[in-house]
Amino acid sequence: MKILITGSNGFIGKNLVSQLAVRKNFEVLRYGRESTADDLQHAIAEADFICHMAGVNRPDDAAEFARGNTDLTRTLCQAVRNSGRRVPIIFASSVHVEKNNPYGVSKLAAEQLLLRHSEETGVPVYIFRLPHVIGKWCQPNYNSVVATFCHNIARDMPIQIDDPAYQLELVHIDDLVATIARIMTGEEIFGPYCQVAPSYPITVGELAAQILAFRASRSSLVSERVGTGLTRVLYATYVSYLPPERFTYEVPGFGDSRGVFVEMLKTQDSGQFSFFTSHPGVTRGEHYHHSKTEKFLVIKGNARFRFRHIMSNESHEICTSGDKPEIVETVPGWAHSITNMGDDEMIVMLWANEIFDHDRSDTYACPV
């Protein structure tokens, strides 16, 4: 299936191009500002579907709204008619059509042209009245508060909040692309108006606080809950605005005669991740916990884990190595130790089910 994407160099267009291009059942044809009317006609002659993402939303001259949104859509409809082909069109409109401003008026006029084109030709059109779309590659300091906040906060630059209570409705670019793909493959039926799900309500104040929390997590090591929902897509968006010199950051390491201990990541409700090294013959641990549990994974070297029940004195021993991935879990009420039995440095990954609290460590020295 050949897909013509207008506005292929814009925010939505670039994401569509990059995601559809790697799917085996799609071939992408591009149309951008540098393209000519002949280029458009030739592309339509090949296209099985048109994703009309081109548009103008913040020009220097208000008259450009009509030229870039309404007139271009009129040109596209006429080019499809001239081709004699029944090529469906997906259109990126805006919730601003409900507002009496030049941008909304131009988008509404473009919608009406497409609906009339569909009525007269029988060609399906699919219209997305998009709210605030977020994701990678959106231009900051232009027309997206999310892109601007992410860009500036990632660089320790100030942000401006005029009304922290102002309500936004966000959708993620990946969800938009996935919905468009399902329409083109016939997996999802809309018409003529389409919606992207899920959408996420948030105030400008909440948005700023969340992005600032993402930045702060590098120093605290406590991650936000970035695995699901709005926090997941906002975090992915924020990270995409990091400049290359900030792709890396240091974490605290603690060294002594035994080796080093490094904390990597802490979570709000699922513990923390660390790793440590041990020199040959070194034994670590020699303590027990009342409720804390840990998981150890030897990455390199040979380890001997010893356990002793602090009440019954029952003992147990386990040997593992980096050659065979195997988790060893500590159990409350059992003192435990880990000894490097090899001739080289041992490296061990460690997960604990709770963040270490110096005041309430639940760690008690006890020989095994």
Protein backbone atom coordinates (compact mmCIF):
# COMPACT_ATOMS: atom_id res chain seq x y z
CA MET A 1 0.00 0.00 0.00
CA LYS A 2 1.47 3.34 -1.07
CA ILE A 3 0.80 6.19 1.33
CA LEU A 4 1.18 9.83 0.31
CA ILE A 5 2.00 12.02 3.30
CA THR A 6 1.65 15.76 2.85
CA GLY A 7 3.59 17.83 5.35
CA SER A 8 6.07 14.99 5.55
CA ASN A 9 8.70 17.23 7.17
CA GLY A 10 6.41 18.43 9.95
CA PHE A 11 5.95 17.02 13.44
CA ILE A 12 3.13 14.58 12.63
CA GLY A 13 4.48 13.93 9.14
CA LYS A 14 7.94 12.90 10.31
CA ASN A 15 6.50 10.50 12.85
CA LEU A 16 4.19 9.00 10.23
CA VAL A 17 7.05 8.61 7.75
CA SER A 18 9.38 6.98 10.27
CA GLN A 19 6.80 4.55 11.65
CA LEU A 20 5.07 3.55 8.40
CA ALA A 21 8.37 3.16 6.54
CA VAL A 22 9.38 0.18 8.70
CA ARG A 23 6.09 -1.66 8.19
CA LYS A 24 6.21 -4.22 5.42
CA ASN A 25 2.76 -3.39 4.04
CA PHE A 26 3.39 0.35 3.56
CA GLU A 27 5.43 2.38 1.09
CA VAL A 28 5.70 6.08 1.88
CA LEU A 29 5.45 8.87 -0.69
CA ARG A 30 6.36 12.35 0.56
CA TYR A 31 5.06 15.82 -0.21
CA GLY A 32 6.55 18.86 1.53
CA ARG A 33 7.06 22.59 1.13
CA GLU A 34 9.80 21.97 -1.41
CA SER A 35 7.50 19.84 -3.62
CA THR A 36 5.81 21.10 -6.77
CA ALA A 37 2.29 20.76 -8.14
CA ASP A 38 3.61 18.15 -10.58
CA ASP A 39 5.13 16.23 -7.67
CA LEU A 40 1.71 16.17 -6.01
CA GLN A 41 -0.04 14.93 -9.14
CA HIS A 42 2.54 12.20 -9.74
CA ALA A 43 2.29 11.03 -6.13
CA ILE A 44 -1.51 10.90 -6.24
CA ALA A 45 -1.28 8.80 -9.39
CA GLU A 46 0.51 6.15 -7.31
CA ALA A 47 -1.06 6.57 -3.88
CA ASP A 48 -3.55 4.16 -2.32
CA PHE A 49 -4.16 6.51 0.62
CA ILE A 50 -3.42 10.15 1.37
CA CYS A 51 -2.49 11.39 4.85
CA HIS A 52 -2.99 15.14 4.57
CA MET A 53 -0.90 16.43 7.48
CA ALA A 54 0.37 19.62 5.87
CA GLY A 55 -0.79 22.91 7.30
CA VAL A 56 0.08 26.27 8.78
CA ASN A 57 -0.57 27.07 12.43
CA ARG A 58 1.63 30.02 13.34
CA PRO A 59 2.50 32.18 10.32
CA ASP A 60 3.88 35.70 10.32
CA ASP A 61 0.97 36.77 8.13
CA ALA A 62 -2.58 35.72 9.13
CA ALA A 63 -3.47 35.38 5.45
CA GLU A 64 -1.13 32.40 5.31
CA PHE A 65 -3.66 30.40 7.33
CA ALA A 66 -6.01 30.35 4.37
CA ARG A 67 -3.24 29.63 1.85
CA GLY A 68 -1.57 26.88 3.87
CA ASN A 69 -4.70 25.16 5.21
CA THR A 70 -7.74 25.89 3.04
CA ASP A 71 -6.17 26.52 -0.37
CA LEU A 72 -3.76 23.58 -0.15
CA THR A 73 -6.65 21.27 0.74
CA ARG A 74 -8.60 22.61 -2.26
CA THR A 75 -5.58 21.91 -4.46
CA LEU A 76 -5.30 18.39 -3.08
CA CYS A 77 -8.98 17.61 -3.71
CA GLN A 78 -8.73 18.90 -7.27
CA ALA A 79 -5.57 16.88 -7.89
CA VAL A 80 -7.37 13.72 -6.74
CA ARG A 81 -10.27 14.53 -9.09
CA ASN A 82 -7.87 15.11 -11.97
CA SER A 83 -6.27 11.73 -11.37
CA GLY A 84 -9.59 9.96 -11.84
CA ARG A 85 -8.69 7.73 -8.92
CA ARG A 86 -10.67 7.09 -5.72
CA VAL A 87 -7.95 7.81 -3.18
CA PRO A 88 -9.18 8.12 0.44
CA ILE A 89 -7.91 11.08 2.45
CA ILE A 90 -7.05 11.32 6.16
CA PHE A 91 -6.90 14.92 7.37
CA ALA A 92 -5.24 16.42 10.45
CA SER A 93 -7.67 19.13 11.53
CA SER A 94 -7.83 20.78 14.95
CA VAL A 95 -10.12 21.36 17.90
CA HIS A 96 -9.60 25.03 17.07
CA VAL A 97 -12.32 24.72 14.43
CA GLU A 98 -14.70 25.36 17.32
CA LYS A 99 -13.01 28.71 18.02
CA ASN A 100 -13.45 31.90 16.05
CA ASN A 101 -9.80 32.50 15.19
CA PRO A 102 -8.05 32.57 11.79
CA TYR A 103 -6.42 29.17 12.30
CA GLY A 104 -9.67 27.48 13.30
CA VAL A 105 -11.59 29.16 10.48
CA SER A 106 -9.05 27.95 7.90
CA LYS A 107 -9.13 24.38 9.24
CA LEU A 108 -12.93 24.35 9.28
CA ALA A 109 -13.00 25.53 5.68
CA ALA A 110 -10.59 22.72 4.78
CA GLU A 111 -12.88 20.20 6.50
CA GLN A 112 -15.85 21.46 4.49
CA LEU A 113 -13.91 21.14 1.24
CA LEU A 114 -13.07 17.53 2.06
CA LEU A 115 -16.64 16.66 3.05
CA ARG A 116 -17.94 18.19 -0.19
CA HIS A 117 -15.28 16.29 -2.14
CA SER A 118 -16.41 13.05 -0.49
CA GLU A 119 -20.09 13.71 -1.21
CA GLU A 120 -19.43 14.49 -4.86
CA THR A 121 -16.96 11.70 -5.61
CA GLY A 122 -17.83 8.99 -3.11
CA VAL A 123 -14.23 8.96 -1.91
CA PRO A 124 -13.96 8.38 1.87
CA VAL A 125 -12.44 11.11 4.03
CA TYR A 126 -11.36 10.78 7.66
CA ILE A 127 -11.02 13.93 9.75
CA PHE A 128 -9.16 14.15 13.05
CA ARG A 129 -9.98 17.22 15.13
CA LEU A 130 -6.79 16.95 17.08
CA PRO A 131 -6.18 18.42 20.54
CA HIS A 132 -2.62 18.99 21.73
CA VAL A 133 -0.47 16.25 20.15
CA ILE A 134 2.73 15.45 22.05
CA GLY A 135 5.80 13.40 21.24
CA LYS A 136 9.27 13.55 19.77
CA TRP A 137 10.24 16.08 17.09
CA CYS A 138 7.60 18.72 17.86
CA GLN A 139 9.15 22.18 17.49
CA PRO A 140 9.68 23.95 20.83
CA ASN A 141 9.06 27.65 21.45
CA TYR A 142 6.58 27.65 18.60
CA ASN A 143 3.02 26.49 19.26
CA SER A 144 3.34 23.57 21.69
CA VAL A 145 3.54 24.24 25.41
CA VAL A 146 4.60 20.62 26.02
CA ALA A 147 7.47 20.83 23.54
CA THR A 148 8.54 24.19 24.96
CA PHE A 149 8.46 23.02 28.57
CA CYS A 150 10.35 19.82 27.73
CA HIS A 151 12.98 21.64 25.68
CA ASN A 152 13.58 24.39 28.23
CA ILE A 153 13.50 22.25 31.37
CA ALA A 154 15.87 19.71 29.80
CA ARG A 155 18.34 22.61 29.38
CA ASP A 156 17.72 24.29 32.74
CA MET A 157 16.09 27.22 30.96
CA PRO A 158 13.14 29.12 32.48
CA ILE A 159 9.52 28.45 31.51
CA GLN A 160 6.60 30.84 31.59
CA ILE A 161 3.22 29.91 33.06
CA ASP A 162 0.47 32.48 32.53
CA ASP A 163 -2.42 30.41 33.89
CA PRO A 164 -1.48 27.25 35.82
CA ALA A 165 -5.16 26.17 35.94
CA TYR A 166 -5.58 26.24 32.15
CA GLN A 167 -6.78 22.81 31.02
CA LEU A 168 -5.09 20.91 28.21
CA GLU A 169 -6.16 17.74 26.42
CA LEU A 170 -3.20 15.67 25.23
CA VAL A 171 -2.85 12.77 22.81
CA HIS A 172 0.40 11.01 21.99
CA ILE A 173 1.82 10.92 18.49
CA ASP A 174 2.26 7.12 18.58
CA ASP A 175 -1.45 6.64 19.33
CA LEU A 176 -2.34 8.95 16.44
CA VAL A 177 -0.05 7.08 14.04
CA ALA A 178 -1.44 3.72 15.19
CA THR A 179 -5.03 4.90 14.65
CA ILE A 180 -4.20 6.19 11.17
CA ALA A 181 -2.55 2.88 10.29
CA ARG A 182 -5.62 0.93 11.44
CA ILE A 183 -7.87 3.08 9.29
CA MET A 184 -5.70 2.47 6.23
CA THR A 185 -5.63 -1.29 6.76
CA GLY A 186 -9.36 -1.44 7.45
CA GLU A 187 -8.89 -2.62 11.04
CA GLU A 188 -10.78 0.38 12.38
CA ILE A 189 -13.81 2.03 10.81
CA PHE A 190 -14.45 5.73 11.30
CA GLY A 191 -16.17 8.32 9.27
CA PRO A 192 -15.96 11.04 8.58
CA TYR A 193 -14.79 12.22 12.02
CA CYS A 194 -12.18 10.23 13.93
CA GLN A 195 -10.78 10.26 17.43
CA VAL A 196 -7.51 9.23 19.02
CA ALA A 197 -7.59 7.26 22.23
CA PRO A 198 -6.50 7.55 24.91
CA SER A 199 -6.52 11.28 25.57
CA TYR A 200 -5.25 12.83 28.75
CA PRO A 201 -6.49 15.95 30.60
CA ILE A 202 -3.93 17.98 32.52
CA THR A 203 -3.51 21.57 33.64
CA VAL A 204 -0.54 23.69 32.62
CA GLY A 205 0.59 23.80 36.24
CA GLU A 206 0.42 20.02 36.57
CA LEU A 207 2.27 19.65 33.28
CA ALA A 208 5.14 21.86 34.43
CA ALA A 209 5.36 20.10 37.80
CA GLN A 210 5.54 16.68 36.15
CA ILE A 211 8.28 17.65 33.71
CA LEU A 212 10.28 19.29 36.49
CA ALA A 213 9.92 16.03 38.45
CA PHE A 214 11.39 14.11 35.51
CA ARG A 215 14.46 16.35 35.61
CA ALA A 216 14.77 16.03 39.40
CA SER A 217 14.69 12.23 39.22
CA ARG A 218 18.24 12.21 37.89
CA SER A 219 19.58 13.62 41.13
CA SER A 220 17.20 11.83 43.52
CA LEU A 221 17.37 8.58 41.48
CA VAL A 222 13.66 8.14 42.30
CA SER A 223 11.85 7.53 39.04
CA GLU A 224 8.37 8.84 38.37
CA ARG A 225 5.77 6.16 37.53
CA VAL A 226 6.72 6.17 33.85
CA GLY A 227 5.35 2.76 32.85
CA THR A 228 1.76 3.58 31.97
CA GLY A 229 -0.65 6.31 30.95
CA LEU A 230 0.08 9.99 30.63
CA THR A 231 3.27 9.82 32.71
CA ARG A 232 4.70 7.24 30.29
CA VAL A 233 4.13 9.32 27.15
CA LEU A 234 5.13 12.58 28.84
CA TYR A 235 8.39 11.02 30.01
CA ALA A 236 9.14 9.67 26.53
CA THR A 237 8.43 13.14 25.16
CA TYR A 238 10.63 14.87 27.76
CA VAL A 239 13.58 12.55 27.20
CA SER A 240 13.38 13.13 23.43
CA TYR A 241 14.28 16.79 24.06
CA LEU A 242 17.49 16.07 25.96
CA PRO A 243 20.51 17.49 24.14
CA PRO A 244 23.24 14.92 23.39
CA GLU A 245 25.52 16.30 26.09
CA ARG A 246 22.81 15.35 28.62
CA PHE A 247 22.32 11.78 27.45
CA THR A 248 24.45 10.75 30.44
CA TYR A 249 24.50 11.57 34.14
CA GLU A 250 26.47 10.36 37.13
CA VAL A 251 25.09 8.21 39.95
CA PRO A 252 26.64 7.86 43.41
CA GLY A 253 29.17 5.12 43.98
CA PHE A 254 30.62 3.98 47.29
CA GLY A 255 33.95 2.20 47.35
CA ASP A 256 35.98 0.45 50.05
CA SER A 257 38.46 -2.41 50.33
CA ARG A 258 35.78 -4.92 49.29
CA GLY A 259 34.87 -3.22 45.98
CA VAL A 260 32.26 -0.64 44.94
CA PHE A 261 28.51 -0.25 45.47
CA VAL A 262 26.49 1.85 43.01
CA GLU A 263 22.83 2.84 43.21
CA MET A 264 21.26 3.09 39.75
CA LEU A 265 17.51 3.62 40.04
CA LYS A 266 14.87 3.97 42.73
CA THR A 267 11.12 3.62 42.24
CA GLN A 268 8.26 5.10 44.21
CA ASP A 269 6.64 1.75 45.00
CA SER A 270 8.81 -1.08 43.67
CA GLY A 271 12.16 -0.73 45.38
CA GLN A 272 15.53 0.13 43.90
CA PHE A 273 18.23 -1.24 41.59
CA SER A 274 21.95 -1.27 42.34
CA PHE A 275 25.09 -3.20 41.55
CA PHE A 276 28.26 -3.98 43.43
CA THR A 277 31.67 -5.48 42.83
CA SER A 278 33.75 -7.73 45.07
CA HIS A 279 37.43 -8.57 44.95
CA PRO A 280 38.53 -12.24 45.08
CA GLY A 281 37.84 -13.81 48.46
CA VAL A 282 35.73 -10.90 49.70
CA THR A 283 32.52 -11.65 51.58
CA ARG A 284 29.65 -9.15 51.65
CA GLY A 285 26.42 -9.20 53.59
CA GLU A 286 26.59 -11.02 56.93
CA HIS A 287 23.24 -9.54 57.95
CA TYR A 288 19.52 -10.25 57.94
CA HIS A 289 16.24 -8.35 57.40
CA HIS A 290 12.87 -8.63 59.10
CA SER A 291 10.81 -7.71 56.03
CA LYS A 292 13.10 -6.43 53.27
CA THR A 293 13.79 -8.83 50.41
CA GLU A 294 16.45 -8.70 47.70
CA LYS A 295 17.22 -10.37 44.40
CA PHE A 296 20.85 -10.95 43.37
CA LEU A 297 22.07 -11.72 39.84
CA VAL A 298 25.75 -12.46 39.31
CA ILE A 299 26.80 -10.78 36.07
CA LYS A 300 30.45 -11.73 36.19
CA GLY A 301 32.42 -14.13 38.35
CA ASN A 302 31.62 -16.96 40.75
CA ALA A 303 29.61 -16.47 43.94
CA ARG A 304 28.79 -18.53 47.00
CA PHE A 305 25.64 -17.51 48.88
CA ARG A 306 25.26 -18.73 52.43
CA PHE A 307 22.08 -18.55 54.51
CA ARG A 308 21.37 -19.21 58.21
CA HIS A 309 17.96 -19.01 59.89
CA ILE A 310 18.41 -16.62 62.82
CA MET A 311 16.17 -18.67 65.14
CA SER A 312 16.63 -22.33 64.18
CA ASN A 313 20.22 -22.04 62.82
CA GLU A 314 19.18 -24.04 59.76
CA SER A 315 21.71 -23.33 56.99
CA HIS A 316 21.76 -23.40 53.22
CA GLU A 317 24.36 -22.73 50.51
CA ILE A 318 24.02 -21.80 46.82
CA CYS A 319 26.75 -21.31 44.21
CA THR A 320 26.11 -19.29 41.06
CA SER A 321 28.18 -17.69 38.29
CA GLY A 322 27.92 -15.15 35.53
CA ASP A 323 27.95 -18.02 33.03
CA LYS A 324 24.40 -19.01 34.00
CA PRO A 325 21.83 -16.27 34.74
CA GLU A 326 20.22 -17.27 38.02
CA ILE A 327 18.40 -15.16 40.60
CA VAL A 328 19.14 -15.70 44.28
CA GLU A 329 16.53 -14.20 46.59
CA THR A 330 17.04 -13.32 50.23
CA VAL A 331 14.31 -14.27 52.69
CA PRO A 332 13.29 -12.33 55.83
CA GLY A 333 14.65 -13.94 58.99
CA TRP A 334 17.58 -15.61 57.23
CA ALA A 335 21.06 -14.10 57.63
CA HIS A 336 22.91 -14.17 54.34
CA SER A 337 26.30 -13.51 52.80
CA ILE A 338 27.86 -13.58 49.33
CA THR A 339 31.51 -14.49 48.73
CA ASN A 340 33.58 -14.02 45.59
CA MET A 341 34.95 -17.52 44.98
CA GLY A 342 36.79 -16.66 41.76
CA ASP A 343 40.18 -15.23 40.90
CA ASP A 344 38.82 -12.03 39.33
CA GLU A 345 36.45 -9.22 40.20
CA MET A 346 32.83 -10.27 40.71
CA ILE A 347 29.97 -8.04 39.52
CA VAL A 348 26.49 -8.52 40.98
CA MET A 349 23.21 -6.80 40.11
CA LEU A 350 20.90 -6.20 43.07
CA TRP A 351 17.22 -5.34 43.42
CA ALA A 352 15.67 -4.53 46.80
CA ASN A 353 11.92 -4.29 47.25
CA GLU A 354 12.18 -0.95 49.07
CA ILE A 355 14.31 2.17 48.88
CA PHE A 356 17.12 2.12 51.43
CA ASP A 357 16.32 4.34 54.41
CA HIS A 358 19.32 5.10 56.63
CA ASP A 359 17.00 5.77 59.59
CA ARG A 360 14.99 2.56 59.11
CA SER A 361 17.33 0.26 57.22
CA ASP A 362 15.88 -3.08 58.41
CA THR A 363 19.43 -4.42 58.18
CA TYR A 364 21.01 -6.16 61.18
CA ALA A 365 24.57 -7.46 61.33
CA CYS A 366 24.71 -11.22 61.93
CA PRO A 367 27.39 -13.78 61.04
CA VAL A 368 26.27 -16.60 58.78
